[in-house]
Amino acid sequence: MVAEAKKNKKKKKKKKPDRQAFLANKHDLYQRAVQEPSADNEFMSKLFAKKFKRDAVVMREDFCGTGLLSATWVEEDPNRKAIGYDLDVETVEWGIENNLAKLDDDQRSRVDLRIADVLNAPKDPVDIICALNFSWWIFKKRQELLEYFRSVRSSLHPEGLFILDIYGGKEAYEEMEEEHEKDGFDYIWDQDAVCGVSDEILCHISFHFPDGSKMKRAFTYDWRRYGMRESQEILFDAGFSAVEVYWEGVDDEGDGDGEFTLTTREENTDAWIAYLVAIP
């Protein structure tokens, strides 16, 4: 009788619900936490039109990952085309199956995501080349970065723009964690190790969920942080004729406001983000 009672009690025990971290997809979370493709495209397209009095048509997204920026680029304008380069097969394939799958046939025909090295990109002239989310810091040696910048320079239309983002400030040299609340999860930026000699940084992205589950170190970045002045000098060495800095403003709480202004001098605050825009 006792054994039977225990058996029945076991049967009545509620099944533990699936954990949110197990059900979530890291690429989807990354896009929702980090990327703002419409804002990036607006900045790039407006600046291009202002400088060259025409609309940018072909955009190349280096280190494209899931290709969300490229997909959004063609979705916003029926005349646009996009090419994306990345070496991570799983990430690119996820982007094709999810981001490109949401486009109609015409839009999909104008996006070409390639699993290939950016250094081997054809020299077909394009209007805009971008390397965002600090992805270009993967080149730890100055000569490697110079080679990449030269490759970009040779692939740009004479009336073209090379656009990168860069971050800095006092916190860029500290081991620290930042937690940001998102819709349905928290995004954790972990600057895990910072070398004062080599400027190398090791960073991770994790995701935490309301049910207590965690997706730890979903992404890891092993970078060398290049300073603002050094980055501009390498771009000039690569043959660019001009390099401009567009600095993000801050709101009343001291957070970035998404507005970028051309500038030549700014205070080195705790944290800042800017676009570097290089012109052939």
C-alpha atoms as a PDB file:
ATOM      1  CA  MET A   1       0.000   0.000   0.000  1.00  0.00           C
ATOM      2  CA  VAL A   2       2.785   2.417   0.873  1.00  0.00           C
ATOM      3  CA  ALA A   3       4.592   1.690  -2.355  1.00  0.00           C
ATOM      4  CA  GLU A   4       1.376   2.194  -4.324  1.00  0.00           C
ATOM      5  CA  ALA A   5       0.732   5.536  -2.647  1.00  0.00           C
ATOM      6  CA  LYS A   6       4.232   6.752  -3.511  1.00  0.00           C
ATOM      7  CA  LYS A   7       3.701   5.640  -7.087  1.00  0.00           C
ATOM      8  CA  ASN A   8       0.450   7.584  -7.395  1.00  0.00           C
ATOM      9  CA  LYS A   9       2.016  10.644  -5.803  1.00  0.00           C
ATOM     10  CA  LYS A  10       4.829  10.497  -8.328  1.00  0.00           C
ATOM     11  CA  LYS A  11       2.333  10.354 -11.162  1.00  0.00           C
ATOM     12  CA  LYS A  12       0.572  13.488  -9.931  1.00  0.00           C
ATOM     13  CA  LYS A  13       3.809  15.527  -9.786  1.00  0.00           C
ATOM     14  CA  LYS A  14       3.678  18.362 -12.261  1.00  0.00           C
ATOM     15  CA  LYS A  15       6.054  18.314 -15.156  1.00  0.00           C
ATOM     16  CA  LYS A  16       8.753  20.971 -14.843  1.00  0.00           C
ATOM     17  CA  PRO A  17       8.229  23.592 -17.557  1.00  0.00           C
ATOM     18  CA  ASP A  18      10.807  23.942 -20.314  1.00  0.00           C
ATOM     19  CA  ARG A  19      13.462  26.461 -19.439  1.00  0.00           C
ATOM     20  CA  GLN A  20      13.457  29.690 -21.463  1.00  0.00           C
ATOM     21  CA  ALA A  21      17.195  29.580 -22.114  1.00  0.00           C
ATOM     22  CA  PHE A  22      16.848  26.124 -23.651  1.00  0.00           C
ATOM     23  CA  LEU A  23      14.013  27.199 -25.941  1.00  0.00           C
ATOM     24  CA  ALA A  24      15.600  30.462 -27.101  1.00  0.00           C
ATOM     25  CA  ASN A  25      17.910  30.899 -30.098  1.00  0.00           C
ATOM     26  CA  LYS A  26      21.090  32.882 -29.548  1.00  0.00           C
ATOM     27  CA  HIS A  27      21.043  34.550 -32.970  1.00  0.00           C
ATOM     28  CA  ASP A  28      17.502  35.789 -32.471  1.00  0.00           C
ATOM     29  CA  LEU A  29      18.430  37.135 -29.037  1.00  0.00           C
ATOM     30  CA  TYR A  30      21.538  38.848 -30.402  1.00  0.00           C
ATOM     31  CA  GLN A  31      19.568  40.612 -33.114  1.00  0.00           C
ATOM     32  CA  ARG A  32      16.951  41.798 -30.619  1.00  0.00           C
ATOM     33  CA  ALA A  33      19.532  42.894 -28.051  1.00  0.00           C
ATOM     34  CA  VAL A  34      22.285  44.447 -30.137  1.00  0.00           C
ATOM     35  CA  GLN A  35      21.282  45.307 -33.670  1.00  0.00           C
ATOM     36  CA  GLU A  36      19.357  48.308 -35.005  1.00  0.00           C
ATOM     37  CA  PRO A  37      19.575  47.776 -38.769  1.00  0.00           C
ATOM     38  CA  SER A  38      17.078  50.471 -39.719  1.00  0.00           C
ATOM     39  CA  ALA A  39      19.026  53.083 -37.747  1.00  0.00           C
ATOM     40  CA  ASP A  40      22.349  52.005 -39.309  1.00  0.00           C
ATOM     41  CA  ASN A  41      20.846  52.032 -42.799  1.00  0.00           C
ATOM     42  CA  GLU A  42      19.321  55.459 -42.252  1.00  0.00           C
ATOM     43  CA  PHE A  43      22.643  56.891 -41.158  1.00  0.00           C
ATOM     44  CA  MET A  44      24.524  55.345 -44.092  1.00  0.00           C
ATOM     45  CA  SER A  45      22.001  56.189 -46.799  1.00  0.00           C
ATOM     46  CA  LYS A  46      21.405  59.785 -45.679  1.00  0.00           C
ATOM     47  CA  LEU A  47      25.118  60.512 -45.384  1.00  0.00           C
ATOM     48  CA  PHE A  48      25.795  58.984 -48.799  1.00  0.00           C
ATOM     49  CA  ALA A  49      23.034  61.025 -50.451  1.00  0.00           C
ATOM     50  CA  LYS A  50      24.265  64.209 -48.773  1.00  0.00           C
ATOM     51  CA  LYS A  51      27.827  63.713 -49.987  1.00  0.00           C
ATOM     52  CA  PHE A  52      27.247  62.435 -53.509  1.00  0.00           C
ATOM     53  CA  LYS A  53      23.768  63.759 -54.423  1.00  0.00           C
ATOM     54  CA  ARG A  54      22.536  60.310 -55.366  1.00  0.00           C
ATOM     55  CA  ASP A  55      21.148  57.266 -53.597  1.00  0.00           C
ATOM     56  CA  ALA A  56      23.381  54.392 -52.565  1.00  0.00           C
ATOM     57  CA  VAL A  57      22.372  51.181 -54.314  1.00  0.00           C
ATOM     58  CA  VAL A  58      24.897  48.430 -53.523  1.00  0.00           C
ATOM     59  CA  MET A  59      25.919  47.874 -49.898  1.00  0.00           C
ATOM     60  CA  ARG A  60      28.492  45.311 -48.785  1.00  0.00           C
ATOM     61  CA  GLU A  61      28.190  44.109 -45.196  1.00  0.00           C
ATOM     62  CA  ASP A  62      31.491  42.677 -43.962  1.00  0.00           C
ATOM     63  CA  PHE A  63      31.367  40.230 -41.024  1.00  0.00           C
ATOM     64  CA  CYS A  64      27.649  40.066 -41.795  1.00  0.00           C
ATOM     65  CA  GLY A  65      26.710  37.301 -39.348  1.00  0.00           C
ATOM     66  CA  THR A  66      23.026  36.563 -39.886  1.00  0.00           C
ATOM     67  CA  GLY A  67      22.767  39.223 -42.593  1.00  0.00           C
ATOM     68  CA  LEU A  68      20.016  41.158 -40.827  1.00  0.00           C
ATOM     69  CA  LEU A  69      21.447  44.484 -41.974  1.00  0.00           C
ATOM     70  CA  SER A  70      21.618  43.283 -45.584  1.00  0.00           C
ATOM     71  CA  ALA A  71      18.075  41.913 -45.470  1.00  0.00           C
ATOM     72  CA  THR A  72      16.785  45.182 -44.049  1.00  0.00           C
ATOM     73  CA  TRP A  73      18.728  47.206 -46.640  1.00  0.00           C
ATOM     74  CA  VAL A  74      16.965  45.589 -49.604  1.00  0.00           C
ATOM     75  CA  GLU A  75      13.618  45.437 -47.842  1.00  0.00           C
ATOM     76  CA  GLU A  76      13.594  49.216 -47.418  1.00  0.00           C
ATOM     77  CA  ASP A  77      14.130  50.092 -51.093  1.00  0.00           C
ATOM     78  CA  PRO A  78      13.317  48.114 -54.275  1.00  0.00           C
ATOM     79  CA  ASN A  79      16.411  49.441 -56.045  1.00  0.00           C
ATOM     80  CA  ARG A  80      18.942  48.298 -53.472  1.00  0.00           C
ATOM     81  CA  LYS A  81      21.255  45.300 -53.521  1.00  0.00           C
ATOM     82  CA  ALA A  82      23.325  43.822 -50.685  1.00  0.00           C
ATOM     83  CA  ILE A  83      26.287  41.476 -50.387  1.00  0.00           C
ATOM     84  CA  GLY A  84      27.349  39.948 -47.086  1.00  0.00           C
ATOM     85  CA  TYR A  85      30.612  38.219 -46.127  1.00  0.00           C
ATOM     86  CA  ASP A  86      31.220  36.022 -43.094  1.00  0.00           C
ATOM     87  CA  LEU A  87      33.218  32.880 -42.296  1.00  0.00           C
ATOM     88  CA  ASP A  88      30.823  31.376 -39.727  1.00  0.00           C
ATOM     89  CA  VAL A  89      28.790  28.810 -41.671  1.00  0.00           C
ATOM     90  CA  GLU A  90      26.191  28.133 -38.969  1.00  0.00           C
ATOM     91  CA  THR A  91      25.490  31.826 -38.415  1.00  0.00           C
ATOM     92  CA  VAL A  92      25.115  32.663 -42.105  1.00  0.00           C
ATOM     93  CA  GLU A  93      22.876  29.639 -42.714  1.00  0.00           C
ATOM     94  CA  TRP A  94      20.653  30.670 -39.798  1.00  0.00           C
ATOM     95  CA  GLY A  95      20.351  34.110 -41.353  1.00  0.00           C
ATOM     96  CA  ILE A  96      19.390  32.658 -44.729  1.00  0.00           C
ATOM     97  CA  GLU A  97      16.775  30.389 -43.148  1.00  0.00           C
ATOM     98  CA  ASN A  98      15.307  33.110 -40.939  1.00  0.00           C
ATOM     99  CA  ASN A  99      16.050  36.665 -42.101  1.00  0.00           C
ATOM    100  CA  LEU A 100      16.094  36.066 -45.839  1.00  0.00           C
ATOM    101  CA  ALA A 101      13.150  33.677 -45.634  1.00  0.00           C
ATOM    102  CA  LYS A 102      10.977  36.589 -44.468  1.00  0.00           C
ATOM    103  CA  LEU A 103      11.655  38.533 -47.668  1.00  0.00           C
ATOM    104  CA  ASP A 104       9.639  38.198 -50.848  1.00  0.00           C
ATOM    105  CA  ASP A 105      11.160  36.662 -53.979  1.00  0.00           C
ATOM    106  CA  ASP A 106      12.314  39.965 -55.430  1.00  0.00           C
ATOM    107  CA  GLN A 107      13.940  41.084 -52.197  1.00  0.00           C
ATOM    108  CA  ARG A 108      15.718  37.748 -51.723  1.00  0.00           C
ATOM    109  CA  SER A 109      17.096  37.958 -55.251  1.00  0.00           C
ATOM    110  CA  ARG A 110      18.845  41.205 -54.285  1.00  0.00           C
ATOM    111  CA  VAL A 111      20.705  39.768 -51.275  1.00  0.00           C
ATOM    112  CA  ASP A 112      23.798  37.603 -51.606  1.00  0.00           C
ATOM    113  CA  LEU A 113      25.159  36.237 -48.311  1.00  0.00           C
ATOM    114  CA  ARG A 114      28.513  34.557 -48.893  1.00  0.00           C
ATOM    115  CA  ILE A 115      30.482  32.266 -46.605  1.00  0.00           C
ATOM    116  CA  ALA A 116      33.843  33.757 -47.470  1.00  0.00           C
ATOM    117  CA  ASP A 117      36.766  35.780 -46.147  1.00  0.00           C
ATOM    118  CA  VAL A 118      36.376  39.551 -46.452  1.00  0.00           C
ATOM    119  CA  LEU A 119      39.996  39.716 -47.611  1.00  0.00           C
ATOM    120  CA  ASN A 120      39.035  37.683 -50.676  1.00  0.00           C
ATOM    121  CA  ALA A 121      36.112  39.873 -51.704  1.00  0.00           C
ATOM    122  CA  PRO A 122      36.003  40.675 -55.436  1.00  0.00           C
ATOM    123  CA  LYS A 123      37.007  44.184 -56.440  1.00  0.00           C
ATOM    124  CA  ASP A 124      33.586  44.912 -57.951  1.00  0.00           C
ATOM    125  CA  PRO A 125      32.854  48.552 -57.052  1.00  0.00           C
ATOM    126  CA  VAL A 126      30.130  49.041 -54.449  1.00  0.00           C
ATOM    127  CA  ASP A 127      28.663  52.217 -52.977  1.00  0.00           C
ATOM    128  CA  ILE A 128      28.958  51.419 -49.274  1.00  0.00           C
ATOM    129  CA  ILE A 129      31.043  48.910 -47.347  1.00  0.00           C
ATOM    130  CA  CYS A 130      30.396  48.613 -43.643  1.00  0.00           C
ATOM    131  CA  ALA A 131      31.962  46.652 -40.797  1.00  0.00           C
ATOM    132  CA  LEU A 132      29.780  47.146 -37.738  1.00  0.00           C
ATOM    133  CA  ASN A 133      29.480  45.824 -34.186  1.00  0.00           C
ATOM    134  CA  PHE A 134      33.241  46.367 -33.814  1.00  0.00           C
ATOM    135  CA  SER A 135      33.815  43.244 -35.921  1.00  0.00           C
ATOM    136  CA  TRP A 136      36.928  44.659 -37.598  1.00  0.00           C
ATOM    137  CA  TRP A 137      38.783  44.436 -34.270  1.00  0.00           C
ATOM    138  CA  ILE A 138      39.274  40.757 -35.083  1.00  0.00           C
ATOM    139  CA  PHE A 139      42.480  41.824 -36.887  1.00  0.00           C
ATOM    140  CA  LYS A 140      44.928  41.954 -33.983  1.00  0.00           C
ATOM    141  CA  LYS A 141      47.986  42.935 -35.980  1.00  0.00           C
ATOM    142  CA  ARG A 142      48.240  46.396 -37.489  1.00  0.00           C
ATOM    143  CA  GLN A 143      49.494  44.994 -40.785  1.00  0.00           C
ATOM    144  CA  GLU A 144      46.463  42.677 -41.006  1.00  0.00           C
ATOM    145  CA  LEU A 145      44.079  45.561 -40.410  1.00  0.00           C
ATOM    146  CA  LEU A 146      45.941  47.678 -42.962  1.00  0.00           C
ATOM    147  CA  GLU A 147      45.590  44.871 -45.505  1.00  0.00           C
ATOM    148  CA  TYR A 148      41.854  44.701 -44.853  1.00  0.00           C
ATOM    149  CA  PHE A 149      41.431  48.474 -45.185  1.00  0.00           C
ATOM    150  CA  ARG A 150      43.372  48.429 -48.462  1.00  0.00           C
ATOM    151  CA  SER A 151      41.129  45.644 -49.748  1.00  0.00           C
ATOM    152  CA  VAL A 152      38.054  47.691 -48.859  1.00  0.00           C
ATOM    153  CA  ARG A 153      39.515  50.773 -50.530  1.00  0.00           C
ATOM    154  CA  SER A 154      40.043  48.887 -53.789  1.00  0.00           C
ATOM    155  CA  SER A 155      36.457  47.566 -53.721  1.00  0.00           C
ATOM    156  CA  LEU A 156      34.726  50.930 -53.307  1.00  0.00           C
ATOM    157  CA  HIS A 157      33.209  53.055 -56.038  1.00  0.00           C
ATOM    158  CA  PRO A 158      35.141  56.356 -56.404  1.00  0.00           C
ATOM    159  CA  GLU A 159      32.063  57.949 -54.860  1.00  0.00           C
ATOM    160  CA  GLY A 160      31.757  55.516 -52.010  1.00  0.00           C
ATOM    161  CA  LEU A 161      31.853  55.249 -48.221  1.00  0.00           C
ATOM    162  CA  PHE A 162      33.506  52.829 -45.812  1.00  0.00           C
ATOM    163  CA  ILE A 163      31.672  52.911 -42.490  1.00  0.00           C
ATOM    164  CA  LEU A 164      32.854  51.358 -39.230  1.00  0.00           C
ATOM    165  CA  ASP A 165      31.735  51.717 -35.645  1.00  0.00           C
ATOM    166  CA  ILE A 166      34.077  52.095 -32.700  1.00  0.00           C
ATOM    167  CA  TYR A 167      33.703  52.397 -28.956  1.00  0.00           C
ATOM    168  CA  GLY A 168      35.951  53.779 -26.251  1.00  0.00           C
ATOM    169  CA  GLY A 169      36.092  55.765 -23.058  1.00  0.00           C
ATOM    170  CA  LYS A 170      37.413  54.929 -19.615  1.00  0.00           C
ATOM    171  CA  GLU A 171      35.307  51.765 -19.318  1.00  0.00           C
ATOM    172  CA  ALA A 172      36.823  50.360 -22.507  1.00  0.00           C
ATOM    173  CA  TYR A 173      39.984  49.659 -20.511  1.00  0.00           C
ATOM    174  CA  GLU A 174      38.277  48.010 -17.536  1.00  0.00           C
ATOM    175  CA  GLU A 175      37.089  44.524 -16.765  1.00  0.00           C
ATOM    176  CA  MET A 176      33.385  45.053 -16.217  1.00  0.00           C
ATOM    177  CA  GLU A 177      29.853  43.761 -16.788  1.00  0.00           C
ATOM    178  CA  GLU A 178      26.811  45.618 -18.041  1.00  0.00           C
ATOM    179  CA  GLU A 179      23.259  44.311 -17.823  1.00  0.00           C
ATOM    180  CA  HIS A 180      20.547  45.647 -20.107  1.00  0.00           C
ATOM    181  CA  GLU A 181      16.874  44.797 -19.764  1.00  0.00           C
ATOM    182  CA  LYS A 182      15.244  43.732 -23.021  1.00  0.00           C
ATOM    183  CA  ASP A 183      11.787  42.480 -23.921  1.00  0.00           C
ATOM    184  CA  GLY A 184      11.592  39.055 -22.283  1.00  0.00           C
ATOM    185  CA  PHE A 185      15.254  38.711 -21.298  1.00  0.00           C
ATOM    186  CA  ASP A 186      18.333  40.527 -20.005  1.00  0.00           C
ATOM    187  CA  TYR A 187      21.392  41.057 -22.180  1.00  0.00           C
ATOM    188  CA  ILE A 188      24.761  40.841 -20.392  1.00  0.00           C
ATOM    189  CA  TRP A 189      27.902  42.426 -21.870  1.00  0.00           C
ATOM    190  CA  ASP A 190      30.945  41.013 -20.092  1.00  0.00           C
ATOM    191  CA  GLN A 191      34.301  42.656 -20.773  1.00  0.00           C
ATOM    192  CA  ASP A 192      36.094  39.744 -19.182  1.00  0.00           C
ATOM    193  CA  ALA A 193      39.787  40.497 -19.754  1.00  0.00           C
ATOM    194  CA  VAL A 194      41.635  43.647 -20.799  1.00  0.00           C
ATOM    195  CA  CYS A 195      45.360  43.728 -21.482  1.00  0.00           C
ATOM    196  CA  GLY A 196      47.021  47.082 -20.883  1.00  0.00           C
ATOM    197  CA  VAL A 197      50.071  46.127 -22.959  1.00  0.00           C
ATOM    198  CA  SER A 198      48.584  44.635 -26.123  1.00  0.00           C
ATOM    199  CA  ASP A 199      45.138  46.351 -26.045  1.00  0.00           C
ATOM    200  CA  GLU A 200      43.593  42.890 -26.453  1.00  0.00           C
ATOM    201  CA  ILE A 201      40.155  42.389 -24.928  1.00  0.00           C
ATOM    202  CA  LEU A 202      38.110  39.248 -24.356  1.00  0.00           C
ATOM    203  CA  CYS A 203      34.364  39.827 -24.226  1.00  0.00           C
ATOM    204  CA  HIS A 204      31.266  37.673 -23.863  1.00  0.00           C
ATOM    205  CA  ILE A 205      27.543  38.070 -24.371  1.00  0.00           C
ATOM    206  CA  SER A 206      25.153  36.150 -22.116  1.00  0.00           C
ATOM    207  CA  PHE A 207      21.375  36.144 -21.791  1.00  0.00           C
ATOM    208  CA  HIS A 208      19.330  35.773 -18.582  1.00  0.00           C
ATOM    209  CA  PHE A 209      15.628  34.970 -18.445  1.00  0.00           C
ATOM    210  CA  PRO A 210      12.747  35.660 -16.015  1.00  0.00           C
ATOM    211  CA  ASP A 211      12.477  31.981 -15.063  1.00  0.00           C
ATOM    212  CA  GLY A 212      16.046  32.055 -13.756  1.00  0.00           C
ATOM    213  CA  SER A 213      17.601  30.169 -16.638  1.00  0.00           C
ATOM    214  CA  LYS A 214      20.708  31.528 -18.361  1.00  0.00           C
ATOM    215  CA  MET A 215      22.415  31.227 -21.711  1.00  0.00           C
ATOM    216  CA  LYS A 216      25.988  31.829 -20.602  1.00  0.00           C
ATOM    217  CA  ARG A 217      28.626  33.103 -23.006  1.00  0.00           C
ATOM    218  CA  ALA A 218      26.475  32.639 -26.069  1.00  0.00           C
ATOM    219  CA  PHE A 219      29.026  34.721 -27.971  1.00  0.00           C
ATOM    220  CA  THR A 220      32.722  35.346 -27.327  1.00  0.00           C
ATOM    221  CA  TYR A 221      34.904  38.004 -28.944  1.00  0.00           C
ATOM    222  CA  ASP A 222      38.684  37.955 -28.878  1.00  0.00           C
ATOM    223  CA  TRP A 223      39.661  41.392 -30.145  1.00  0.00           C
ATOM    224  CA  ARG A 224      42.323  44.045 -30.169  1.00  0.00           C
ATOM    225  CA  ARG A 225      40.882  47.431 -29.337  1.00  0.00           C
ATOM    226  CA  TYR A 226      42.144  50.131 -31.705  1.00  0.00           C
ATOM    227  CA  GLY A 227      42.034  53.737 -30.564  1.00  0.00           C
ATOM    228  CA  MET A 228      40.305  56.502 -32.482  1.00  0.00           C
ATOM    229  CA  ARG A 229      43.431  58.302 -33.686  1.00  0.00           C
ATOM    230  CA  GLU A 230      45.261  55.076 -34.539  1.00  0.00           C
ATOM    231  CA  SER A 231      42.285  53.804 -36.555  1.00  0.00           C
ATOM    232  CA  GLN A 232      42.140  57.014 -38.582  1.00  0.00           C
ATOM    233  CA  GLU A 233      45.863  56.859 -39.315  1.00  0.00           C
ATOM    234  CA  ILE A 234      45.623  53.262 -40.568  1.00  0.00           C
ATOM    235  CA  LEU A 235      42.750  54.261 -42.857  1.00  0.00           C
ATOM    236  CA  PHE A 236      44.864  57.071 -44.292  1.00  0.00           C
ATOM    237  CA  ASP A 237      47.771  54.651 -44.726  1.00  0.00           C
ATOM    238  CA  ALA A 238      45.402  52.385 -46.680  1.00  0.00           C
ATOM    239  CA  GLY A 239      44.827  55.164 -49.197  1.00  0.00           C
ATOM    240  CA  PHE A 240      41.639  56.859 -48.042  1.00  0.00           C
ATOM    241  CA  SER A 241      41.635  60.597 -48.704  1.00  0.00           C
ATOM    242  CA  ALA A 242      39.429  61.607 -45.782  1.00  0.00           C
ATOM    243  CA  VAL A 243      38.205  60.095 -42.527  1.00  0.00           C
ATOM    244  CA  GLU A 244      35.343  61.638 -40.570  1.00  0.00           C
ATOM    245  CA  VAL A 245      34.126  60.989 -37.038  1.00  0.00           C
ATOM    246  CA  TYR A 246      30.421  60.959 -36.188  1.00  0.00           C
ATOM    247  CA  TRP A 247      29.957  60.979 -32.415  1.00  0.00           C
ATOM    248  CA  GLU A 248      26.848  59.740 -30.619  1.00  0.00           C
ATOM    249  CA  GLY A 249      25.117  62.240 -28.348  1.00  0.00           C
ATOM    250  CA  VAL A 250      23.700  61.408 -24.919  1.00  0.00           C
ATOM    251  CA  ASP A 251      20.274  61.789 -23.349  1.00  0.00           C
ATOM    252  CA  ASP A 252      19.398  63.300 -19.964  1.00  0.00           C
ATOM    253  CA  GLU A 253      20.432  60.081 -18.217  1.00  0.00           C
ATOM    254  CA  GLY A 254      23.819  59.976 -19.914  1.00  0.00           C
ATOM    255  CA  ASP A 255      22.957  57.112 -22.269  1.00  0.00           C
ATOM    256  CA  GLY A 256      23.468  57.168 -26.024  1.00  0.00           C
ATOM    257  CA  ASP A 257      20.618  58.919 -27.846  1.00  0.00           C
ATOM    258  CA  GLY A 258      21.174  57.412 -31.309  1.00  0.00           C
ATOM    259  CA  GLU A 259      22.038  60.795 -32.856  1.00  0.00           C
ATOM    260  CA  PHE A 260      25.466  61.000 -34.504  1.00  0.00           C
ATOM    261  CA  THR A 261      27.136  64.337 -35.251  1.00  0.00           C
ATOM    262  CA  LEU A 262      30.242  65.150 -37.285  1.00  0.00           C
ATOM    263  CA  THR A 263      32.961  66.291 -34.904  1.00  0.00           C
ATOM    264  CA  THR A 264      36.709  66.726 -34.500  1.00  0.00           C
ATOM    265  CA  ARG A 265      37.012  66.981 -30.727  1.00  0.00           C
ATOM    266  CA  GLU A 266      35.089  65.359 -27.848  1.00  0.00           C
ATOM    267  CA  GLU A 267      35.530  64.655 -24.152  1.00  0.00           C
ATOM    268  CA  ASN A 268      36.720  61.133 -23.290  1.00  0.00           C
ATOM    269  CA  THR A 269      33.727  60.107 -21.187  1.00  0.00           C
ATOM    270  CA  ASP A 270      33.241  56.807 -19.343  1.00  0.00           C
ATOM    271  CA  ALA A 271      31.859  55.246 -22.514  1.00  0.00           C
ATOM    272  CA  TRP A 272      31.264  56.486 -26.035  1.00  0.00           C
ATOM    273  CA  ILE A 273      30.335  55.122 -29.466  1.00  0.00           C
ATOM    274  CA  ALA A 274      31.057  56.674 -32.853  1.00  0.00           C
ATOM    275  CA  TYR A 275      31.048  55.961 -36.564  1.00  0.00           C
ATOM    276  CA  LEU A 276      34.227  56.259 -38.579  1.00  0.00           C
ATOM    277  CA  VAL A 277      33.488  57.197 -42.191  1.00  0.00           C
ATOM    278  CA  ALA A 278      36.311  56.830 -44.719  1.00  0.00           C
ATOM    279  CA  ILE A 279      36.177  58.288 -48.203  1.00  0.00           C
ATOM    280  CA  PRO A 280      38.353  57.039 -51.117  1.00  0.00           C
END
